C-alpha atoms as a PDB file:
ATOM      1  CA  UNK A   1     104.544  90.484  53.528  1.00  0.00           C
ATOM      2  CA  UNK A   2     102.081  91.689  50.782  1.00  0.00           C
ATOM      3  CA  UNK A   3      99.258  89.346  50.303  1.00  0.00           C
ATOM      4  CA  UNK A   4      99.176  88.018  46.726  1.00  0.00           C
ATOM      5  CA  UNK A   5      96.390  89.412  44.471  1.00  0.00           C
ATOM      6  CA  UNK A   6      93.169  87.459  44.157  1.00  0.00           C
ATOM      7  CA  UNK A   7      92.113  86.645  40.610  1.00  0.00           C
ATOM      8  CA  UNK A   8      88.508  85.823  40.136  1.00  0.00           C
ATOM      9  CA  UNK A   9      88.158  83.558  37.063  1.00  0.00           C
ATOM     10  CA  UNK A  10      84.729  83.752  35.557  1.00  0.00           C
ATOM     11  CA  UNK A  11      83.222  82.084  32.653  1.00  0.00           C
ATOM     12  CA  UNK A  12      82.171  85.071  30.653  1.00  0.00           C
ATOM     13  CA  UNK A  13      78.996  85.589  28.472  1.00  0.00           C
ATOM     14  CA  UNK A  14      77.634  87.485  25.548  1.00  0.00           C
ATOM     15  CA  UNK A  15      74.948  88.810  28.029  1.00  0.00           C
ATOM     16  CA  UNK A  16      76.387  92.027  29.524  1.00  0.00           C
ATOM     17  CA  UNK A  17      74.448  91.268  32.823  1.00  0.00           C
ATOM     18  CA  UNK A  18      76.900  88.583  33.474  1.00  0.00           C
ATOM     19  CA  UNK A  19      80.048  90.749  33.565  1.00  0.00           C
ATOM     20  CA  UNK A  20      78.162  93.471  35.524  1.00  0.00           C
ATOM     21  CA  UNK A  21      77.260  90.765  38.098  1.00  0.00           C
ATOM     22  CA  UNK A  22      80.805  89.501  38.333  1.00  0.00           C
ATOM     23  CA  UNK A  23      82.108  93.121  38.880  1.00  0.00           C
ATOM     24  CA  UNK A  24      79.550  93.494  41.647  1.00  0.00           C
ATOM     25  CA  UNK A  25      80.926  90.569  43.382  1.00  0.00           C
ATOM     26  CA  UNK A  26      84.383  91.657  42.942  1.00  0.00           C
ATOM     27  CA  UNK A  27      83.569  94.755  44.750  1.00  0.00           C
ATOM     28  CA  UNK A  28      81.829  92.823  47.503  1.00  0.00           C
ATOM     29  CA  UNK A  29      84.960  90.637  47.962  1.00  0.00           C
ATOM     30  CA  UNK A  30      87.182  93.689  48.017  1.00  0.00           C
ATOM     31  CA  UNK A  31      84.920  95.098  50.808  1.00  0.00           C
ATOM     32  CA  UNK A  32      84.987  91.786  52.688  1.00  0.00           C
ATOM     33  CA  UNK A  33      88.782  91.662  52.687  1.00  0.00           C
ATOM     34  CA  UNK A  34      90.085  95.288  52.920  1.00  0.00           C
ATOM     35  CA  UNK A  35      93.522  95.866  51.361  1.00  0.00           C
ATOM     36  CA  UNK A  36      93.380  92.808  49.314  1.00  0.00           C
ATOM     37  CA  UNK A  37      93.818  93.537  45.574  1.00  0.00           C
ATOM     38  CA  UNK A  38      91.016  91.678  43.601  1.00  0.00           C
ATOM     39  CA  UNK A  39      91.060  91.391  39.783  1.00  0.00           C
ATOM     40  CA  UNK A  40      88.786  89.771  37.426  1.00  0.00           C
ATOM     41  CA  UNK A  41      89.463  87.674  34.415  1.00  0.00           C
ATOM     42  CA  UNK A  42      87.088  85.756  31.961  1.00  0.00           C
ATOM     43  CA  UNK A  43      87.668  82.588  30.028  1.00  0.00           C
ATOM     44  CA  UNK A  44      85.430  83.690  27.261  1.00  0.00           C
ATOM     45  CA  UNK A  45      83.303  86.301  25.542  1.00  0.00           C
ATOM     46  CA  UNK A  46      83.839  89.107  28.157  1.00  0.00           C
ATOM     47  CA  UNK A  47      87.047  91.146  28.857  1.00  0.00           C
ATOM     48  CA  UNK A  48      89.637  91.402  30.210  1.00  0.00           C
ATOM     49  CA  UNK A  49      90.705  87.630  29.490  1.00  0.00           C
ATOM     50  CA  UNK A  50      92.566  85.713  32.173  1.00  0.00           C
ATOM     51  CA  UNK A  51      95.886  85.709  30.194  1.00  0.00           C
ATOM     52  CA  UNK A  52      95.602  89.547  29.696  1.00  0.00           C
ATOM     53  CA  UNK A  53      95.286  90.100  33.395  1.00  0.00           C
ATOM     54  CA  UNK A  54      98.103  87.870  34.219  1.00  0.00           C
ATOM     55  CA  UNK A  55     100.316  89.582  31.788  1.00  0.00           C
ATOM     56  CA  UNK A  56      99.546  92.929  33.366  1.00  0.00           C
ATOM     57  CA  UNK A  57     100.213  91.775  36.831  1.00  0.00           C
ATOM     58  CA  UNK A  58     103.534  90.183  35.686  1.00  0.00           C
ATOM     59  CA  UNK A  59     104.535  93.420  34.170  1.00  0.00           C
ATOM     60  CA  UNK A  60     103.915  95.274  37.349  1.00  0.00           C
ATOM     61  CA  UNK A  61     106.345  92.959  38.908  1.00  0.00           C
ATOM     62  CA  UNK A  62     103.765  90.876  40.873  1.00  0.00           C
ATOM     63  CA  UNK A  63     105.224  87.332  41.643  1.00  0.00           C
ATOM     64  CA  UNK A  64     102.398  85.474  43.083  1.00  0.00           C
ATOM     65  CA  UNK A  65      98.676  85.290  42.464  1.00  0.00           C
ATOM     66  CA  UNK A  66      95.773  83.264  43.679  1.00  0.00           C
ATOM     67  CA  UNK A  67      93.122  82.369  41.250  1.00  0.00           C
ATOM     68  CA  UNK A  68      89.713  81.374  42.461  1.00  0.00           C
ATOM     69  CA  UNK A  69      87.307  79.962  40.139  1.00  0.00           C
ATOM     70  CA  UNK A  70      83.875  81.324  40.033  1.00  0.00           C
ATOM     71  CA  UNK A  71      82.267  77.953  39.661  1.00  0.00           C
ATOM     72  CA  UNK A  72      79.915  76.105  41.881  1.00  0.00           C
ATOM     73  CA  UNK A  73      80.857  72.335  40.814  1.00  0.00           C
ATOM     74  CA  UNK A  74      83.889  70.633  39.687  1.00  0.00           C
ATOM     75  CA  UNK A  75      82.608  70.190  36.000  1.00  0.00           C
ATOM     76  CA  UNK A  76      84.654  70.541  32.964  1.00  0.00           C
ATOM     77  CA  UNK A  77      85.647  74.065  33.354  1.00  0.00           C
ATOM     78  CA  UNK A  78      87.116  73.367  36.746  1.00  0.00           C
ATOM     79  CA  UNK A  79      88.783  70.243  35.700  1.00  0.00           C
ATOM     80  CA  UNK A  80      90.258  70.991  32.264  1.00  0.00           C
ATOM     81  CA  UNK A  81      89.531  74.512  31.017  1.00  0.00           C
ATOM     82  CA  UNK A  82      90.901  76.634  33.832  1.00  0.00           C
ATOM     83  CA  UNK A  83      94.080  74.602  34.503  1.00  0.00           C
ATOM     84  CA  UNK A  84      94.621  74.722  30.704  1.00  0.00           C
ATOM     85  CA  UNK A  85      94.110  78.449  30.457  1.00  0.00           C
ATOM     86  CA  UNK A  86      96.418  79.085  33.428  1.00  0.00           C
ATOM     87  CA  UNK A  87      99.254  76.749  32.289  1.00  0.00           C
ATOM     88  CA  UNK A  88      99.249  78.440  28.963  1.00  0.00           C
ATOM     89  CA  UNK A  89      99.159  81.930  30.228  1.00  0.00           C
ATOM     90  CA  UNK A  90     101.919  81.288  32.720  1.00  0.00           C
ATOM     91  CA  UNK A  91     104.272  79.428  30.331  1.00  0.00           C
ATOM     92  CA  UNK A  92     105.506  82.612  29.012  1.00  0.00           C
ATOM     93  CA  UNK A  93     105.543  84.419  32.354  1.00  0.00           C
ATOM     94  CA  UNK A  94     108.275  82.609  34.207  1.00  0.00           C
ATOM     95  CA  UNK A  95     108.458  85.097  37.133  1.00  0.00           C
ATOM     96  CA  UNK A  96     104.779  84.616  37.999  1.00  0.00           C
ATOM     97  CA  UNK A  97     103.453  81.853  40.197  1.00  0.00           C
ATOM     98  CA  UNK A  98      99.645  81.045  40.045  1.00  0.00           C
ATOM     99  CA  UNK A  99      97.994  79.202  42.897  1.00  0.00           C
ATOM    100  CA  UNK A 100      94.675  77.795  41.803  1.00  0.00           C
ATOM    101  CA  UNK A 101      92.007  77.578  44.481  1.00  0.00           C
ATOM    102  CA  UNK A 102      89.063  75.146  44.743  1.00  0.00           C
ATOM    103  CA  UNK A 103      85.822  75.762  43.220  1.00  0.00           C
ATOM    104  CA  UNK A 104      83.265  77.289  45.439  1.00  0.00           C
ATOM    105  CA  UNK A 105      80.799  74.613  45.982  1.00  0.00           C
ATOM    106  CA  UNK A 106      79.444  72.741  47.749  1.00  0.00           C
ATOM    107  CA  UNK A 107      79.463  74.903  50.914  1.00  0.00           C
ATOM    108  CA  UNK A 108      77.010  75.819  53.681  1.00  0.00           C
ATOM    109  CA  UNK A 109      77.658  79.294  52.845  1.00  0.00           C
ATOM    110  CA  UNK A 110      76.101  78.749  49.303  1.00  0.00           C
ATOM    111  CA  UNK A 111      73.010  77.225  50.865  1.00  0.00           C
ATOM    112  CA  UNK A 112      72.597  80.260  53.092  1.00  0.00           C
ATOM    113  CA  UNK A 113      72.830  82.534  49.921  1.00  0.00           C
ATOM    114  CA  UNK A 114      70.148  80.571  48.188  1.00  0.00           C
ATOM    115  CA  UNK A 115      67.963  81.069  51.291  1.00  0.00           C
ATOM    116  CA  UNK A 116      68.694  84.674  51.283  1.00  0.00           C
ATOM    117  CA  UNK A 117      67.593  84.967  47.634  1.00  0.00           C
ATOM    118  CA  UNK A 118      64.404  83.062  48.433  1.00  0.00           C
ATOM    119  CA  UNK A 119      63.659  85.410  51.333  1.00  0.00           C
ATOM    120  CA  UNK A 120      64.405  88.423  49.145  1.00  0.00           C
ATOM    121  CA  UNK A 121      61.892  86.956  46.475  1.00  0.00           C
ATOM    122  CA  UNK A 122      59.111  87.067  49.113  1.00  0.00           C
ATOM    123  CA  UNK A 123      59.276  83.361  50.435  1.00  0.00           C
ATOM    124  CA  UNK A 124      58.731  83.283  54.293  1.00  0.00           C
ATOM    125  CA  UNK A 125      61.451  80.947  55.731  1.00  0.00           C
ATOM    126  CA  UNK A 126      59.828  80.465  59.000  1.00  0.00           C
ATOM    127  CA  UNK A 127      57.553  77.539  58.232  1.00  0.00           C
ATOM    128  CA  UNK A 128      59.026  75.508  55.370  1.00  0.00           C
ATOM    129  CA  UNK A 129      56.810  72.569  55.734  1.00  0.00           C
ATOM    130  CA  UNK A 130      54.343  73.614  53.032  1.00  0.00           C
ATOM    131  CA  UNK A 131      57.013  74.606  50.407  1.00  0.00           C
ATOM    132  CA  UNK A 132      58.690  72.473  47.927  1.00  0.00           C
ATOM    133  CA  UNK A 133      61.973  73.883  46.422  1.00  0.00           C
ATOM    134  CA  UNK A 134      63.484  73.363  43.007  1.00  0.00           C
ATOM    135  CA  UNK A 135      67.272  73.665  43.183  1.00  0.00           C
ATOM    136  CA  UNK A 136      67.983  74.768  39.597  1.00  0.00           C
ATOM    137  CA  UNK A 137      71.531  74.394  38.169  1.00  0.00           C
ATOM    138  CA  UNK A 138      72.840  75.176  34.842  1.00  0.00           C
ATOM    139  CA  UNK A 139      73.583  71.452  34.302  1.00  0.00           C
ATOM    140  CA  UNK A 140      76.669  69.679  33.040  1.00  0.00           C
ATOM    141  CA  UNK A 141      77.463  66.501  31.007  1.00  0.00           C
ATOM    142  CA  UNK A 142      79.835  65.474  33.861  1.00  0.00           C
ATOM    143  CA  UNK A 143      77.863  63.170  36.054  1.00  0.00           C
ATOM    144  CA  UNK A 144      80.020  64.032  39.003  1.00  0.00           C
ATOM    145  CA  UNK A 145      78.805  67.707  38.980  1.00  0.00           C
ATOM    146  CA  UNK A 146      75.194  66.680  38.568  1.00  0.00           C
ATOM    147  CA  UNK A 147      75.442  64.222  41.418  1.00  0.00           C
ATOM    148  CA  UNK A 148      76.782  66.936  43.764  1.00  0.00           C
ATOM    149  CA  UNK A 149      73.647  69.122  42.960  1.00  0.00           C
ATOM    150  CA  UNK A 150      71.514  65.958  44.018  1.00  0.00           C
ATOM    151  CA  UNK A 151      73.401  65.624  47.265  1.00  0.00           C
ATOM    152  CA  UNK A 152      72.890  69.400  48.065  1.00  0.00           C
ATOM    153  CA  UNK A 153      69.228  68.901  47.507  1.00  0.00           C
ATOM    154  CA  UNK A 154      69.023  66.006  49.933  1.00  0.00           C
ATOM    155  CA  UNK A 155      70.884  67.759  52.605  1.00  0.00           C
ATOM    156  CA  UNK A 156      68.829  71.066  52.188  1.00  0.00           C
ATOM    157  CA  UNK A 157      65.577  68.943  52.435  1.00  0.00           C
ATOM    158  CA  UNK A 158      66.496  68.199  56.043  1.00  0.00           C
ATOM    159  CA  UNK A 159      66.176  71.789  57.069  1.00  0.00           C
ATOM    160  CA  UNK A 160      62.410  71.451  56.947  1.00  0.00           C
ATOM    161  CA  UNK A 161      61.318  71.863  53.398  1.00  0.00           C
ATOM    162  CA  UNK A 162      58.337  69.717  52.135  1.00  0.00           C
ATOM    163  CA  UNK A 163      60.828  68.459  49.594  1.00  0.00           C
ATOM    164  CA  UNK A 164      63.855  69.644  47.439  1.00  0.00           C
ATOM    165  CA  UNK A 165      64.290  68.490  43.829  1.00  0.00           C
ATOM    166  CA  UNK A 166      67.266  69.109  41.756  1.00  0.00           C
ATOM    167  CA  UNK A 167      66.775  70.354  38.234  1.00  0.00           C
ATOM    168  CA  UNK A 168      68.961  71.525  35.310  1.00  0.00           C
ATOM    169  CA  UNK A 169      68.642  74.117  32.445  1.00  0.00           C
ATOM    170  CA  UNK A 170      70.633  71.925  30.110  1.00  0.00           C
ATOM    171  CA  UNK A 171      72.350  68.731  29.453  1.00  0.00           C
ATOM    172  CA  UNK A 172      70.586  66.427  31.956  1.00  0.00           C
ATOM    173  CA  UNK A 173      66.960  65.971  33.062  1.00  0.00           C
ATOM    174  CA  UNK A 174      64.837  66.628  35.085  1.00  0.00           C
ATOM    175  CA  UNK A 175      64.237  69.998  33.593  1.00  0.00           C
ATOM    176  CA  UNK A 176      62.872  72.883  35.874  1.00  0.00           C
ATOM    177  CA  UNK A 177      59.237  72.964  34.785  1.00  0.00           C
ATOM    178  CA  UNK A 178      59.011  69.226  35.088  1.00  0.00           C
ATOM    179  CA  UNK A 179      60.462  69.461  38.755  1.00  0.00           C
ATOM    180  CA  UNK A 180      58.073  72.400  39.714  1.00  0.00           C
ATOM    181  CA  UNK A 181      54.995  70.066  38.361  1.00  0.00           C
ATOM    182  CA  UNK A 182      56.370  67.058  40.290  1.00  0.00           C
ATOM    183  CA  UNK A 183      56.503  68.894  43.444  1.00  0.00           C
ATOM    184  CA  UNK A 184      53.015  70.143  42.888  1.00  0.00           C
ATOM    185  CA  UNK A 185      51.830  66.663  42.292  1.00  0.00           C
ATOM    186  CA  UNK A 186      53.393  65.490  45.408  1.00  0.00           C
ATOM    187  CA  UNK A 187      51.298  67.898  47.450  1.00  0.00           C
ATOM    188  CA  UNK A 188      53.677  70.994  48.068  1.00  0.00           C
ATOM    189  CA  UNK A 189      51.134  73.834  48.512  1.00  0.00           C
ATOM    190  CA  UNK A 190      53.834  76.384  47.369  1.00  0.00           C
ATOM    191  CA  UNK A 191      56.810  75.887  44.991  1.00  0.00           C
ATOM    192  CA  UNK A 192      59.959  77.942  44.771  1.00  0.00           C
ATOM    193  CA  UNK A 193      62.743  77.813  42.304  1.00  0.00           C
ATOM    194  CA  UNK A 194      66.153  78.639  43.630  1.00  0.00           C
ATOM    195  CA  UNK A 195      68.871  79.196  40.872  1.00  0.00           C
ATOM    196  CA  UNK A 196      72.086  77.632  41.801  1.00  0.00           C
ATOM    197  CA  UNK A 197      74.045  79.934  39.544  1.00  0.00           C
ATOM    198  CA  UNK A 198      76.278  82.945  40.009  1.00  0.00           C
ATOM    199  CA  UNK A 199      75.328  85.353  37.391  1.00  0.00           C
ATOM    200  CA  UNK A 200      72.656  86.058  34.650  1.00  0.00           C
ATOM    201  CA  UNK A 201      72.942  84.629  31.150  1.00  0.00           C
ATOM    202  CA  UNK A 202      71.405  82.383  28.739  1.00  0.00           C
ATOM    203  CA  UNK A 203      70.975  79.280  31.044  1.00  0.00           C
ATOM    204  CA  UNK A 204      69.708  81.310  34.052  1.00  0.00           C
ATOM    205  CA  UNK A 205      67.031  82.673  31.643  1.00  0.00           C
ATOM    206  CA  UNK A 206      66.171  79.119  30.774  1.00  0.00           C
ATOM    207  CA  UNK A 207      65.724  78.345  34.517  1.00  0.00           C
ATOM    208  CA  UNK A 208      63.290  81.388  34.813  1.00  0.00           C
ATOM    209  CA  UNK A 209      61.460  80.291  31.774  1.00  0.00           C
ATOM    210  CA  UNK A 210      60.979  76.878  33.287  1.00  0.00           C
ATOM    211  CA  UNK A 211      59.856  78.150  36.604  1.00  0.00           C
ATOM    212  CA  UNK A 212      57.089  80.273  34.577  1.00  0.00           C
ATOM    213  CA  UNK A 213      55.970  77.320  32.449  1.00  0.00           C
ATOM    214  CA  UNK A 214      55.827  74.973  35.460  1.00  0.00           C
ATOM    215  CA  UNK A 215      53.879  77.515  37.605  1.00  0.00           C
ATOM    216  CA  UNK A 216      56.331  78.121  40.332  1.00  0.00           C
ATOM    217  CA  UNK A 217      55.114  80.434  42.999  1.00  0.00           C
ATOM    218  CA  UNK A 218      58.305  82.068  43.671  1.00  0.00           C
ATOM    219  CA  UNK A 219      61.503  82.560  41.690  1.00  0.00           C
ATOM    220  CA  UNK A 220      64.683  83.598  43.345  1.00  0.00           C
ATOM    221  CA  UNK A 221      67.498  85.668  41.894  1.00  0.00           C
ATOM    222  CA  UNK A 222      70.949  84.219  41.058  1.00  0.00           C
ATOM    223  CA  UNK A 223      73.530  84.251  43.863  1.00  0.00           C
ATOM    224  CA  UNK A 224      75.456  87.019  42.376  1.00  0.00           C
ATOM    225  CA  UNK A 225      77.202  89.279  44.931  1.00  0.00           C
ATOM    226  CA  UNK A 226      75.506  87.804  48.071  1.00  0.00           C
ATOM    227  CA  UNK A 227      77.660  88.402  51.168  1.00  0.00           C
ATOM    228  CA  UNK A 228      77.806  84.602  51.657  1.00  0.00           C
ATOM    229  CA  UNK A 229      79.450  84.287  48.266  1.00  0.00           C
ATOM    230  CA  UNK A 230      81.852  87.020  48.832  1.00  0.00           C
ATOM    231  CA  UNK A 231      82.774  85.364  52.217  1.00  0.00           C
ATOM    232  CA  UNK A 232      83.339  81.965  50.457  1.00  0.00           C
ATOM    233  CA  UNK A 233      85.472  83.490  47.726  1.00  0.00           C
ATOM    234  CA  UNK A 234      87.771  84.891  50.463  1.00  0.00           C
ATOM    235  CA  UNK A 235      87.808  81.484  52.235  1.00  0.00           C
ATOM    236  CA  UNK A 236      88.798  79.754  49.191  1.00  0.00           C
ATOM    237  CA  UNK A 237      91.524  82.370  48.523  1.00  0.00           C
ATOM    238  CA  UNK A 238      93.019  81.967  52.041  1.00  0.00           C
ATOM    239  CA  UNK A 239      92.856  78.089  51.814  1.00  0.00           C
ATOM    240  CA  UNK A 240      94.848  78.077  48.532  1.00  0.00           C
ATOM    241  CA  UNK A 241      97.237  80.811  49.676  1.00  0.00           C
ATOM    242  CA  UNK A 242      98.087  78.825  52.854  1.00  0.00           C
ATOM    243  CA  UNK A 243      98.348  75.461  50.778  1.00  0.00           C
ATOM    244  CA  UNK A 244     100.316  76.337  47.758  1.00  0.00           C
ATOM    245  CA  UNK A 245      99.768  75.334  44.123  1.00  0.00           C
ATOM    246  CA  UNK A 246      97.131  72.696  43.517  1.00  0.00           C
ATOM    247  CA  UNK A 247      97.862  69.790  41.138  1.00  0.00           C
ATOM    248  CA  UNK A 248      96.841  70.487  37.562  1.00  0.00           C
ATOM    249  CA  UNK A 249      93.603  68.820  36.152  1.00  0.00           C
ATOM    250  CA  UNK A 250      94.145  65.739  33.976  1.00  0.00           C
ATOM    251  CA  UNK A 251      93.529  66.497  30.145  1.00  0.00           C
ATOM    252  CA  UNK A 252      89.981  65.796  29.009  1.00  0.00           C
ATOM    253  CA  UNK A 253      88.084  66.002  25.816  1.00  0.00           C
ATOM    254  CA  UNK A 254      86.531  69.371  25.353  1.00  0.00           C
ATOM    255  CA  UNK A 255      82.861  69.772  26.149  1.00  0.00           C
ATOM    256  CA  UNK A 256      80.633  72.340  27.569  1.00  0.00           C
ATOM    257  CA  UNK A 257      79.412  72.287  31.253  1.00  0.00           C
ATOM    258  CA  UNK A 258      78.238  74.416  34.007  1.00  0.00           C
END
């Protein structure tokens, strides 16, 4: 029995680095699961759009697709945007069934990817006690999503860091520069900023600006096509393929989030 194609559902951005990074992740996922067809569709700004990809797959005779949201938290895009786009796209494609996977985070694999990026940026991971870490997310107007970031920071702190503080590039305080200064004031001899984002763009650039303004010693790269991210995408795909169609999100008022 042929495995259903995996559709990576990405946000999209006017910044060309975003789509390029998503395509790198697609290639990593395909290499992680040889023989699996992996497609990419974007919600906005970038092409191809999710509806166009689904139309093409249906025209080829594909009957089942697993859509994996490239999202790290269950904010507005996960709760409303993606379910609405998938419902609208499949309404005119009666022969196509789309199974929607869970968002990627939280997961220990993402924490491992954060540490990979910090190490690549020059941070020694052996002795963590002198180092405070800012876990920098895009931010959301959804309090549930922001609470998840705070929970991840608390859990990560237990692995030996001097402290781990959540920070956000938009929507909610604290902002990155303030979190860097707070860690320094608390006695951290070294401060690192770990972006909890998948691809470059306006908000990741804002994280980098905050790291510079606050005087951080280390700024890690975005998670991008880290092997741990690719492995997590495959895991979410396999969970969804085994479990069937997930229930659609409840309607919500439109607002922007991470």
